[in-house]
C-alpha atoms as a PDB file:
ATOM      1  CA  MET A   1       0.037  -0.029  -0.126  1.00  0.00           C
ATOM      2  CA  LYS A   2       1.552   3.449  -1.172  1.00  0.00           C
ATOM      3  CA  HIS A   3       1.494   6.034   1.957  1.00  0.00           C
ATOM      4  CA  HIS A   4       0.937   9.477   0.601  1.00  0.00           C
ATOM      5  CA  LEU A   5       2.228  12.018   2.205  1.00  0.00           C
ATOM      6  CA  ILE A   6       3.412  15.513   2.824  1.00  0.00           C
ATOM      7  CA  ILE A   7       5.994  16.093   5.488  1.00  0.00           C
ATOM      8  CA  ASP A   8       6.315  19.552   7.246  1.00  0.00           C
ATOM      9  CA  CYS A   9       9.720  19.929   8.906  1.00  0.00           C
ATOM     10  CA  ASP A  10      12.582  22.143  10.290  1.00  0.00           C
ATOM     11  CA  PRO A  11      15.648  20.237   9.659  1.00  0.00           C
ATOM     12  CA  GLY A  12      17.288  19.385  12.449  1.00  0.00           C
ATOM     13  CA  VAL A  13      19.468  16.334  13.194  1.00  0.00           C
ATOM     14  CA  ASP A  14      16.760  13.930  13.779  1.00  0.00           C
ATOM     15  CA  ASP A  15      14.613  15.634  10.849  1.00  0.00           C
ATOM     16  CA  ALA A  16      17.263  14.239   8.867  1.00  0.00           C
ATOM     17  CA  THR A  17      16.826  10.495   9.523  1.00  0.00           C
ATOM     18  CA  GLY A  18      13.003  11.161   9.169  1.00  0.00           C
ATOM     19  CA  LEU A  19      13.459  12.608   5.737  1.00  0.00           C
ATOM     20  CA  LEU A  20      16.149  10.166   4.535  1.00  0.00           C
ATOM     21  CA  LEU A  21      13.419   7.368   5.893  1.00  0.00           C
ATOM     22  CA  ALA A  22      10.984   8.246   4.033  1.00  0.00           C
ATOM     23  CA  LEU A  23      12.580   9.362   0.710  1.00  0.00           C
ATOM     24  CA  ALA A  24      14.555   5.956   0.656  1.00  0.00           C
ATOM     25  CA  SER A  25      10.986   4.058   1.005  1.00  0.00           C
ATOM     26  CA  ASN A  26       9.401   2.783  -1.876  1.00  0.00           C
ATOM     27  CA  ASP A  27       5.918   2.579  -0.623  1.00  0.00           C
ATOM     28  CA  ILE A  28       5.538   6.366   0.146  1.00  0.00           C
ATOM     29  CA  ASP A  29       4.289   8.814  -2.104  1.00  0.00           C
ATOM     30  CA  LEU A  30       6.328  12.087  -0.578  1.00  0.00           C
ATOM     31  CA  LEU A  31       4.405  14.658  -2.290  1.00  0.00           C
ATOM     32  CA  ALA A  32       6.412  17.495  -0.790  1.00  0.00           C
ATOM     33  CA  VAL A  33       8.540  18.681   1.675  1.00  0.00           C
ATOM     34  CA  THR A  34       7.610  21.996   3.251  1.00  0.00           C
ATOM     35  CA  THR A  35       9.718  23.643   6.143  1.00  0.00           C
ATOM     36  CA  VAL A  36       9.511  26.255   8.581  1.00  0.00           C
ATOM     37  CA  GLY A  37      11.915  28.104  10.591  1.00  0.00           C
ATOM     38  CA  GLY A  38      12.463  26.298  13.796  1.00  0.00           C
ATOM     39  CA  ASN A  39      15.423  24.087  14.898  1.00  0.00           C
ATOM     40  CA  VAL A  40      17.567  27.103  12.779  1.00  0.00           C
ATOM     41  CA  SER A  41      16.278  29.515  10.561  1.00  0.00           C
ATOM     42  CA  ALA A  42      13.676  29.100   8.310  1.00  0.00           C
ATOM     43  CA  GLN A  43      16.538  29.872   5.026  1.00  0.00           C
ATOM     44  CA  LYS A  44      18.846  27.282   6.739  1.00  0.00           C
ATOM     45  CA  THR A  45      15.697  24.588   7.277  1.00  0.00           C
ATOM     46  CA  ALA A  46      14.791  25.095   3.359  1.00  0.00           C
ATOM     47  CA  ARG A  47      18.338  24.514   2.624  1.00  0.00           C
ATOM     48  CA  ASN A  48      19.171  21.209   4.623  1.00  0.00           C
ATOM     49  CA  ALA A  49      15.707  20.364   3.242  1.00  0.00           C
ATOM     50  CA  ARG A  50      17.250  20.250  -0.300  1.00  0.00           C
ATOM     51  CA  MET A  51      19.960  19.029   0.870  1.00  0.00           C
ATOM     52  CA  LEU A  52      18.953  15.746   1.897  1.00  0.00           C
ATOM     53  CA  ARG A  53      16.698  15.382  -1.155  1.00  0.00           C
ATOM     54  CA  GLN A  54      19.739  15.734  -2.928  1.00  0.00           C
ATOM     55  CA  ILE A  55      21.798  13.232  -0.903  1.00  0.00           C
ATOM     56  CA  ALA A  56      18.889  11.027  -1.409  1.00  0.00           C
ATOM     57  CA  GLY A  57      18.786  11.573  -5.136  1.00  0.00           C
ATOM     58  CA  ARG A  58      15.223  12.003  -5.236  1.00  0.00           C
ATOM     59  CA  PRO A  59      14.924  15.536  -7.380  1.00  0.00           C
ATOM     60  CA  ASP A  60      11.464  14.822  -7.969  1.00  0.00           C
ATOM     61  CA  VAL A  61      10.084  15.690  -4.530  1.00  0.00           C
ATOM     62  CA  PRO A  62       9.511  19.373  -4.461  1.00  0.00           C
ATOM     63  CA  VAL A  63      11.020  21.419  -1.266  1.00  0.00           C
ATOM     64  CA  HIS A  64       8.815  24.613  -0.169  1.00  0.00           C
ATOM     65  CA  ALA A  65       9.814  26.787   2.017  1.00  0.00           C
ATOM     66  CA  GLY A  66       7.594  28.020   4.779  1.00  0.00           C
ATOM     67  CA  ALA A  67       6.631  30.295   7.500  1.00  0.00           C
ATOM     68  CA  GLU A  68       9.964  32.237   8.708  1.00  0.00           C
ATOM     69  CA  ARG A  69       8.497  32.776  12.247  1.00  0.00           C
ATOM     70  CA  PRO A  70       6.142  31.735  14.914  1.00  0.00           C
ATOM     71  CA  LEU A  71       2.434  33.346  14.867  1.00  0.00           C
ATOM     72  CA  VAL A  72       2.957  35.556  16.976  1.00  0.00           C
ATOM     73  CA  ARG A  73       6.082  35.296  18.848  1.00  0.00           C
ATOM     74  CA  ALA A  74       9.528  35.781  18.404  1.00  0.00           C
ATOM     75  CA  PRO A  75      11.519  33.115  16.490  1.00  0.00           C
ATOM     76  CA  ALA A  76      13.527  30.626  19.049  1.00  0.00           C
ATOM     77  CA  GLY A  77      16.104  28.316  17.637  1.00  0.00           C
ATOM     78  CA  ALA A  78      17.918  24.776  19.200  1.00  0.00           C
ATOM     79  CA  GLY A  79      21.406  25.237  17.896  1.00  0.00           C
ATOM     80  CA  ASP A  80      22.808  24.162  20.691  1.00  0.00           C
ATOM     81  CA  PHE A  81      21.484  20.548  19.923  1.00  0.00           C
ATOM     82  CA  HIS A  82      21.817  20.585  15.904  1.00  0.00           C
ATOM     83  CA  GLY A  83      24.662  22.734  15.344  1.00  0.00           C
ATOM     84  CA  GLU A  84      25.342  26.102  13.579  1.00  0.00           C
ATOM     85  CA  GLU A  85      23.994  24.797  10.432  1.00  0.00           C
ATOM     86  CA  GLY A  86      21.349  22.366  11.232  1.00  0.00           C
ATOM     87  CA  LEU A  87      22.520  19.458  10.707  1.00  0.00           C
ATOM     88  CA  GLY A  88      25.202  18.873  12.951  1.00  0.00           C
ATOM     89  CA  ASP A  89      28.545  17.344  11.546  1.00  0.00           C
ATOM     90  CA  LEU A  90      26.969  17.575   7.871  1.00  0.00           C
ATOM     91  CA  ALA A  91      28.873  19.733   5.924  1.00  0.00           C
ATOM     92  CA  PRO A  92      26.504  22.279   4.444  1.00  0.00           C
ATOM     93  CA  PHE A  93      26.403  23.195   0.712  1.00  0.00           C
ATOM     94  CA  GLU A  94      24.189  24.895  -1.739  1.00  0.00           C
ATOM     95  CA  PRO A  95      21.797  22.130  -3.663  1.00  0.00           C
ATOM     96  CA  ASP A  96      21.746  22.122  -6.979  1.00  0.00           C
ATOM     97  CA  LEU A  97      17.825  23.075  -7.331  1.00  0.00           C
ATOM     98  CA  PRO A  98      15.951  25.582  -5.578  1.00  0.00           C
ATOM     99  CA  VAL A  99      12.681  25.497  -3.856  1.00  0.00           C
ATOM    100  CA  ALA A 100       9.461  25.357  -5.271  1.00  0.00           C
ATOM    101  CA  GLU A 101       6.990  27.834  -6.388  1.00  0.00           C
ATOM    102  CA  GLY A 102       4.809  28.700  -3.749  1.00  0.00           C
ATOM    103  CA  THR A 103       5.117  28.950   0.208  1.00  0.00           C
ATOM    104  CA  GLY A 104       5.056  25.905   2.760  1.00  0.00           C
ATOM    105  CA  SER A 105       1.373  26.892   3.722  1.00  0.00           C
ATOM    106  CA  GLU A 106      -0.079  27.380  -0.270  1.00  0.00           C
ATOM    107  CA  ALA A 107       1.529  24.092  -1.085  1.00  0.00           C
ATOM    108  CA  ILE A 108       0.205  22.049   1.912  1.00  0.00           C
ATOM    109  CA  VAL A 109      -3.260  23.150   0.870  1.00  0.00           C
ATOM    110  CA  ARG A 110      -2.802  22.465  -2.804  1.00  0.00           C
ATOM    111  CA  HIS A 111      -1.594  18.811  -2.651  1.00  0.00           C
ATOM    112  CA  VAL A 112      -4.097  17.762  -0.389  1.00  0.00           C
ATOM    113  CA  MET A 113      -6.871  19.343  -1.884  1.00  0.00           C
ATOM    114  CA  ALA A 114      -5.707  18.166  -5.210  1.00  0.00           C
ATOM    115  CA  ARG A 115      -6.506  14.166  -4.311  1.00  0.00           C
ATOM    116  CA  PRO A 116      -9.324  12.704  -2.955  1.00  0.00           C
ATOM    117  CA  GLN A 117     -10.465  13.154   1.275  1.00  0.00           C
ATOM    118  CA  GLY A 118      -8.736  10.581   3.135  1.00  0.00           C
ATOM    119  CA  THR A 119      -5.927   9.697   1.190  1.00  0.00           C
ATOM    120  CA  VAL A 120      -3.135  12.443   2.105  1.00  0.00           C
ATOM    121  CA  SER A 121      -1.514  12.258   5.836  1.00  0.00           C
ATOM    122  CA  LEU A 122       0.368  15.167   6.540  1.00  0.00           C
ATOM    123  CA  ILE A 123       3.677  14.555   8.665  1.00  0.00           C
ATOM    124  CA  VAL A 124       4.966  17.414  11.160  1.00  0.00           C
ATOM    125  CA  MET A 125       8.464  17.357  12.419  1.00  0.00           C
ATOM    126  CA  GLY A 126       8.867  21.046  13.825  1.00  0.00           C
ATOM    127  CA  PRO A 127       6.543  23.824  14.954  1.00  0.00           C
ATOM    128  CA  MET A 128       3.002  23.895  13.382  1.00  0.00           C
ATOM    129  CA  THR A 129       2.926  27.216  11.941  1.00  0.00           C
ATOM    130  CA  ASN A 130       2.819  26.253   8.364  1.00  0.00           C
ATOM    131  CA  VAL A 131      -0.359  23.847   9.246  1.00  0.00           C
ATOM    132  CA  ALA A 132      -2.182  26.199  11.352  1.00  0.00           C
ATOM    133  CA  LEU A 133      -1.969  28.968   8.300  1.00  0.00           C
ATOM    134  CA  ALA A 134      -2.798  26.337   5.554  1.00  0.00           C
ATOM    135  CA  LEU A 135      -5.704  25.625   7.737  1.00  0.00           C
ATOM    136  CA  ARG A 136      -6.387  29.001   8.171  1.00  0.00           C
ATOM    137  CA  ALA A 137      -5.986  29.640   4.319  1.00  0.00           C
ATOM    138  CA  GLU A 138      -8.425  26.614   3.456  1.00  0.00           C
ATOM    139  CA  PRO A 139     -11.032  25.697   6.053  1.00  0.00           C
ATOM    140  CA  ARG A 140     -11.893  22.287   4.820  1.00  0.00           C
ATOM    141  CA  LEU A 141      -8.367  21.036   4.798  1.00  0.00           C
ATOM    142  CA  ALA A 142      -9.008  19.573   7.999  1.00  0.00           C
ATOM    143  CA  SER A 143     -12.086  17.259   6.940  1.00  0.00           C
ATOM    144  CA  HIS A 144     -10.156  16.718   3.834  1.00  0.00           C
ATOM    145  CA  LEU A 145      -6.958  15.031   5.463  1.00  0.00           C
ATOM    146  CA  LYS A 146      -6.570  11.568   6.681  1.00  0.00           C
ATOM    147  CA  GLN A 147      -4.386  12.674   9.315  1.00  0.00           C
ATOM    148  CA  VAL A 148      -1.515  14.654  10.425  1.00  0.00           C
ATOM    149  CA  VAL A 149       1.289  12.824  12.527  1.00  0.00           C
ATOM    150  CA  VAL A 150       3.096  15.435  14.802  1.00  0.00           C
ATOM    151  CA  MET A 151       6.589  15.147  16.916  1.00  0.00           C
ATOM    152  CA  GLY A 152       5.686  17.020  19.664  1.00  0.00           C
ATOM    153  CA  GLY A 153       4.519  17.471  23.109  1.00  0.00           C
ATOM    154  CA  ALA A 154       5.586  16.067  26.535  1.00  0.00           C
ATOM    155  CA  ARG A 155       2.949  14.521  29.284  1.00  0.00           C
ATOM    156  CA  ALA A 156       4.803  11.523  31.620  1.00  0.00           C
ATOM    157  CA  GLU A 157       8.428  12.804  30.547  1.00  0.00           C
ATOM    158  CA  GLY A 158       8.692  16.517  31.041  1.00  0.00           C
ATOM    159  CA  GLY A 159       9.641  18.471  28.666  1.00  0.00           C
ATOM    160  CA  ASN A 160      13.749  18.870  26.704  1.00  0.00           C
ATOM    161  CA  ILE A 161      13.228  23.333  26.804  1.00  0.00           C
ATOM    162  CA  THR A 162      11.083  23.925  29.798  1.00  0.00           C
ATOM    163  CA  ALA A 163       9.924  21.587  32.892  1.00  0.00           C
ATOM    164  CA  SER A 164       6.680  20.920  31.044  1.00  0.00           C
ATOM    165  CA  ALA A 165       7.254  21.869  27.424  1.00  0.00           C
ATOM    166  CA  GLU A 166       8.448  19.915  24.203  1.00  0.00           C
ATOM    167  CA  PHE A 167      10.604  22.595  21.960  1.00  0.00           C
ATOM    168  CA  ASN A 168       8.525  21.882  18.635  1.00  0.00           C
ATOM    169  CA  ILE A 169       5.203  22.812  20.523  1.00  0.00           C
ATOM    170  CA  TRP A 170       7.153  25.654  22.716  1.00  0.00           C
ATOM    171  CA  ALA A 171       8.486  27.041  19.632  1.00  0.00           C
ATOM    172  CA  ASP A 172       5.047  27.826  18.230  1.00  0.00           C
ATOM    173  CA  PRO A 173       2.168  27.083  21.002  1.00  0.00           C
ATOM    174  CA  ASP A 174      -0.777  29.008  19.499  1.00  0.00           C
ATOM    175  CA  ALA A 175      -0.142  27.210  16.231  1.00  0.00           C
ATOM    176  CA  ALA A 176      -0.267  23.825  17.544  1.00  0.00           C
ATOM    177  CA  ALA A 177      -3.443  24.811  19.790  1.00  0.00           C
ATOM    178  CA  GLU A 178      -5.010  26.087  16.666  1.00  0.00           C
ATOM    179  CA  VAL A 179      -4.116  22.734  14.996  1.00  0.00           C
ATOM    180  CA  LEU A 180      -5.290  20.658  17.595  1.00  0.00           C
ATOM    181  CA  ALA A 181      -8.565  22.446  17.853  1.00  0.00           C
ATOM    182  CA  CYS A 182      -9.847  21.658  14.239  1.00  0.00           C
ATOM    183  CA  ASP A 183     -11.465  18.428  13.249  1.00  0.00           C
ATOM    184  CA  VAL A 184      -8.787  16.578  12.045  1.00  0.00           C
ATOM    185  CA  ARG A 185      -7.116  12.926  13.287  1.00  0.00           C
ATOM    186  CA  VAL A 186      -3.904  13.826  15.163  1.00  0.00           C
ATOM    187  CA  VAL A 187      -1.373  11.032  16.353  1.00  0.00           C
ATOM    188  CA  MET A 188       0.831  12.559  18.357  1.00  0.00           C
ATOM    189  CA  MET A 189       4.404  11.164  19.213  1.00  0.00           C
ATOM    190  CA  GLY A 190       5.401  13.279  21.942  1.00  0.00           C
ATOM    191  CA  LEU A 191       8.891  12.648  24.284  1.00  0.00           C
ATOM    192  CA  ASP A 192       7.065   9.563  26.260  1.00  0.00           C
ATOM    193  CA  ALA A 193       7.298   7.377  23.766  1.00  0.00           C
ATOM    194  CA  THR A 194      10.427   8.854  21.476  1.00  0.00           C
ATOM    195  CA  HIS A 195      12.507   9.076  24.681  1.00  0.00           C
ATOM    196  CA  GLN A 196      12.345   5.095  24.603  1.00  0.00           C
ATOM    197  CA  VAL A 197      13.545   5.540  21.013  1.00  0.00           C
ATOM    198  CA  ARG A 198      17.336   5.707  21.733  1.00  0.00           C
ATOM    199  CA  ALA A 199      20.488   5.641  19.225  1.00  0.00           C
ATOM    200  CA  THR A 200      22.770   3.815  21.268  1.00  0.00           C
ATOM    201  CA  GLU A 201      26.461   2.989  20.288  1.00  0.00           C
ATOM    202  CA  THR A 202      25.196  -0.709  18.456  1.00  0.00           C
ATOM    203  CA  ARG A 203      22.524   1.445  16.580  1.00  0.00           C
ATOM    204  CA  ILE A 204      24.596   4.016  15.140  1.00  0.00           C
ATOM    205  CA  ALA A 205      27.307   1.673  14.275  1.00  0.00           C
ATOM    206  CA  ALA A 206      24.638  -0.760  12.057  1.00  0.00           C
ATOM    207  CA  ILE A 207      24.003   1.941  10.292  1.00  0.00           C
ATOM    208  CA  GLU A 208      27.428   3.728   9.683  1.00  0.00           C
ATOM    209  CA  ALA A 209      28.175   0.238   7.936  1.00  0.00           C
ATOM    210  CA  LEU A 210      25.515   0.634   5.348  1.00  0.00           C
ATOM    211  CA  ASN A 211      27.524   1.656   1.847  1.00  0.00           C
ATOM    212  CA  THR A 212      24.683   4.322   0.781  1.00  0.00           C
ATOM    213  CA  ALA A 213      24.738   8.195   1.038  1.00  0.00           C
ATOM    214  CA  SER A 214      21.383   8.076   2.832  1.00  0.00           C
ATOM    215  CA  ALA A 215      23.098   5.582   5.255  1.00  0.00           C
ATOM    216  CA  LYS A 216      26.294   8.144   5.769  1.00  0.00           C
ATOM    217  CA  ALA A 217      24.611  10.750   6.296  1.00  0.00           C
ATOM    218  CA  SER A 218      21.932  10.015   8.880  1.00  0.00           C
ATOM    219  CA  ALA A 219      24.788   8.496  10.725  1.00  0.00           C
ATOM    220  CA  ARG A 220      27.111  11.544  10.913  1.00  0.00           C
ATOM    221  CA  THR A 221      23.828  13.392  12.202  1.00  0.00           C
ATOM    222  CA  LEU A 222      23.359  10.390  14.914  1.00  0.00           C
ATOM    223  CA  ARG A 223      26.766  10.855  15.876  1.00  0.00           C
ATOM    224  CA  PHE A 224      26.735  14.679  16.562  1.00  0.00           C
ATOM    225  CA  SER A 225      23.410  13.757  18.397  1.00  0.00           C
ATOM    226  CA  GLN A 226      25.545  11.239  20.690  1.00  0.00           C
ATOM    227  CA  ARG A 227      27.758  14.076  21.288  1.00  0.00           C
ATOM    228  CA  VAL A 228      25.568  16.356  22.459  1.00  0.00           C
ATOM    229  CA  GLU A 229      23.532  14.208  24.686  1.00  0.00           C
ATOM    230  CA  ARG A 230      26.544  13.245  26.773  1.00  0.00           C
ATOM    231  CA  GLN A 231      27.969  16.864  26.818  1.00  0.00           C
ATOM    232  CA  ILE A 232      24.809  18.683  27.827  1.00  0.00           C
ATOM    233  CA  VAL A 233      22.467  16.222  28.669  1.00  0.00           C
ATOM    234  CA  GLY A 234      24.754  13.446  30.212  1.00  0.00           C
ATOM    235  CA  GLY A 235      23.175  10.649  28.717  1.00  0.00           C
ATOM    236  CA  GLU A 236      25.111   8.116  26.776  1.00  0.00           C
ATOM    237  CA  ALA A 237      22.249   7.388  23.786  1.00  0.00           C
ATOM    238  CA  SER A 238      20.480  10.640  22.601  1.00  0.00           C
ATOM    239  CA  PRO A 239      16.699  10.074  21.697  1.00  0.00           C
ATOM    240  CA  LEU A 240      15.642   9.591  17.816  1.00  0.00           C
ATOM    241  CA  HIS A 241      12.673  12.009  17.959  1.00  0.00           C
ATOM    242  CA  ASP A 242      11.347  12.680  14.592  1.00  0.00           C
ATOM    243  CA  PRO A 243      11.697   9.686  12.484  1.00  0.00           C
ATOM    244  CA  CYS A 244       8.549   8.166  14.983  1.00  0.00           C
ATOM    245  CA  THR A 245       6.664   9.831  12.664  1.00  0.00           C
ATOM    246  CA  VAL A 246       7.794   8.164   9.588  1.00  0.00           C
ATOM    247  CA  ALA A 247       8.119   4.602  11.414  1.00  0.00           C
ATOM    248  CA  TRP A 248       4.425   4.988  12.841  1.00  0.00           C
ATOM    249  CA  VAL A 249       3.259   5.754   9.394  1.00  0.00           C
ATOM    250  CA  LEU A 250       5.022   2.502   7.896  1.00  0.00           C
ATOM    251  CA  ARG A 251       4.712   0.359  10.845  1.00  0.00           C
ATOM    252  CA  PRO A 252       2.134   1.550  13.469  1.00  0.00           C
ATOM    253  CA  GLU A 253       2.337  -1.870  15.134  1.00  0.00           C
ATOM    254  CA  LEU A 254       5.615  -0.613  16.932  1.00  0.00           C
ATOM    255  CA  PHE A 255       3.583   1.661  18.308  1.00  0.00           C
ATOM    256  CA  GLU A 256       1.006   1.850  21.326  1.00  0.00           C
ATOM    257  CA  LEU A 257      -1.289   4.369  21.095  1.00  0.00           C
ATOM    258  CA  LYS A 258      -3.938   5.901  24.090  1.00  0.00           C
ATOM    259  CA  PRO A 259      -7.030   7.525  22.502  1.00  0.00           C
ATOM    260  CA  CYS A 260      -7.183  11.563  24.214  1.00  0.00           C
ATOM    261  CA  ARG A 261      -7.576  14.944  23.943  1.00  0.00           C
ATOM    262  CA  ILE A 262      -4.716  17.174  23.986  1.00  0.00           C
ATOM    263  CA  GLU A 263      -4.917  20.941  24.529  1.00  0.00           C
ATOM    264  CA  VAL A 264      -1.953  23.683  24.866  1.00  0.00           C
ATOM    265  CA  GLU A 265      -1.132  26.154  27.202  1.00  0.00           C
ATOM    266  CA  CYS A 266      -0.969  29.427  25.229  1.00  0.00           C
ATOM    267  CA  HIS A 267      -0.791  31.972  27.995  1.00  0.00           C
ATOM    268  CA  SER A 268       1.465  31.505  30.645  1.00  0.00           C
ATOM    269  CA  ASP A 269       4.890  32.281  30.586  1.00  0.00           C
ATOM    270  CA  LEU A 270       6.025  29.222  32.981  1.00  0.00           C
ATOM    271  CA  THR A 271       3.894  26.462  31.442  1.00  0.00           C
ATOM    272  CA  ARG A 272       4.255  28.129  27.785  1.00  0.00           C
ATOM    273  CA  GLY A 273       3.567  24.956  25.355  1.00  0.00           C
ATOM    274  CA  HIS A 274       2.746  22.380  27.622  1.00  0.00           C
ATOM    275  CA  THR A 275       0.394  19.594  26.445  1.00  0.00           C
ATOM    276  CA  ALA A 276      -2.350  18.804  28.714  1.00  0.00           C
ATOM    277  CA  VAL A 277      -3.097  15.205  27.573  1.00  0.00           C
ATOM    278  CA  GLU A 278      -6.291  14.088  28.645  1.00  0.00           C
ATOM    279  CA  PHE A 279      -7.223  10.067  28.773  1.00  0.00           C
ATOM    280  CA  ARG A 280     -10.575  10.402  30.525  1.00  0.00           C
ATOM    281  CA  ILE A 281     -12.361  10.809  27.511  1.00  0.00           C
ATOM    282  CA  ASP A 282     -15.146   8.415  25.352  1.00  0.00           C
ATOM    283  CA  PRO A 283     -12.912   6.428  22.984  1.00  0.00           C
ATOM    284  CA  ALA A 284     -15.387   6.498  20.281  1.00  0.00           C
ATOM    285  CA  THR A 285     -15.160   9.939  20.118  1.00  0.00           C
ATOM    286  CA  ALA A 286     -11.514  10.327  20.324  1.00  0.00           C
ATOM    287  CA  ARG A 287      -9.803  12.302  17.436  1.00  0.00           C
ATOM    288  CA  HIS A 288      -6.709  13.022  19.328  1.00  0.00           C
ATOM    289  CA  PHE A 289      -3.958   9.880  19.762  1.00  0.00           C
ATOM    290  CA  TRP A 290      -1.462   9.933  22.128  1.00  0.00           C
ATOM    291  CA  ALA A 291       1.968   7.291  21.736  1.00  0.00           C
ATOM    292  CA  VAL A 292       2.860   5.707  25.285  1.00  0.00           C
ATOM    293  CA  LYS A 293       4.982   2.930  23.937  1.00  0.00           C
ATOM    294  CA  ALA A 294       7.667   2.494  20.798  1.00  0.00           C
ATOM    295  CA  ASP A 295       9.823  -1.095  19.798  1.00  0.00           C
ATOM    296  CA  ALA A 296      12.935   0.967  19.805  1.00  0.00           C
ATOM    297  CA  GLU A 297      14.960  -2.327  18.393  1.00  0.00           C
ATOM    298  CA  SER A 298      12.179  -2.618  15.695  1.00  0.00           C
ATOM    299  CA  ILE A 299      12.222   0.883  14.583  1.00  0.00           C
ATOM    300  CA  PHE A 300      15.707   1.034  14.250  1.00  0.00           C
ATOM    301  CA  ALA A 301      15.776  -2.114  12.410  1.00  0.00           C
ATOM    302  CA  LEU A 302      13.258  -0.392   9.566  1.00  0.00           C
ATOM    303  CA  ILE A 303      15.713   2.671   9.385  1.00  0.00           C
ATOM    304  CA  THR A 304      18.550   0.521   8.921  1.00  0.00           C
ATOM    305  CA  GLU A 305      16.863  -1.683   6.661  1.00  0.00           C
ATOM    306  CA  ARG A 306      15.366   1.219   4.179  1.00  0.00           C
ATOM    307  CA  LEU A 307      18.698   3.187   4.236  1.00  0.00           C
ATOM    308  CA  GLY A 308      20.569   0.492   3.663  1.00  0.00           C
ATOM    309  CA  ALA A 309      18.558   0.106   0.578  1.00  0.00           C
ATOM    310  CA  ALA A 310      18.414   3.789  -0.593  1.00  0.00           C
ATOM    311  CA  ARG A 311      20.094   5.028  -3.931  1.00  0.00           C
END
């Protein structure tokens, strides 16, 4: 079965492996990649996505540059965790192909609305600014999408930017709140699940051993994340956040989801971006689903298999 996807992202060392996984998967019809300012500036995320597309040998996939700043707040970056250019130790270069015409939000609307209802999924690996702008521009988008699969949020694990907030949601909580308030099915891969998926030495070495450009690029970003984890966090194995979205689309059985209602705190500076995940709901009416478990070994096996078969 072909999965028809748009990926909205802010590459980002973990975005890199997520994008490369999608680009290497023959069962994914990647309609477009849209980029947003987040981990690094919008100019750099647009370049980084085009770099990864070129490394993967997929010039057929258009890359659209999106929002440069959050809906109402000042831009925030995460260079400490992704490097000044966003891709860790992966040396930046000017890609051969430019960005495609049209903004990220315009591309989302165009690609989704041009296809039958319920056939296109949207993966979001960064702040949800482009998605919120697309929903504002075309209110029918929510009912036309199959689902939105998000890397973002935290509950039991606590936050990674503040005590209770995960970076992608914290960076533009207003956009996240708008998207979650819409009548669209949302699957959310928060830190509760992604912290279970760790890039151990053995797992990184297995990717390094592969003889493809995509695998080599992924391994370099994973090594950078490992070093950051040791220097800043004090751990040994860095979590692999964003690729969980693609892995769920490809292999949903590797995750456990719980139906819920998710709301985002936008008003308090202290708890900005907190995701309030409420499980006490009627599952029959749920449109939000929170990942609580992830099979890390099988997720890395999937990544290794697909990157090993890449161009």
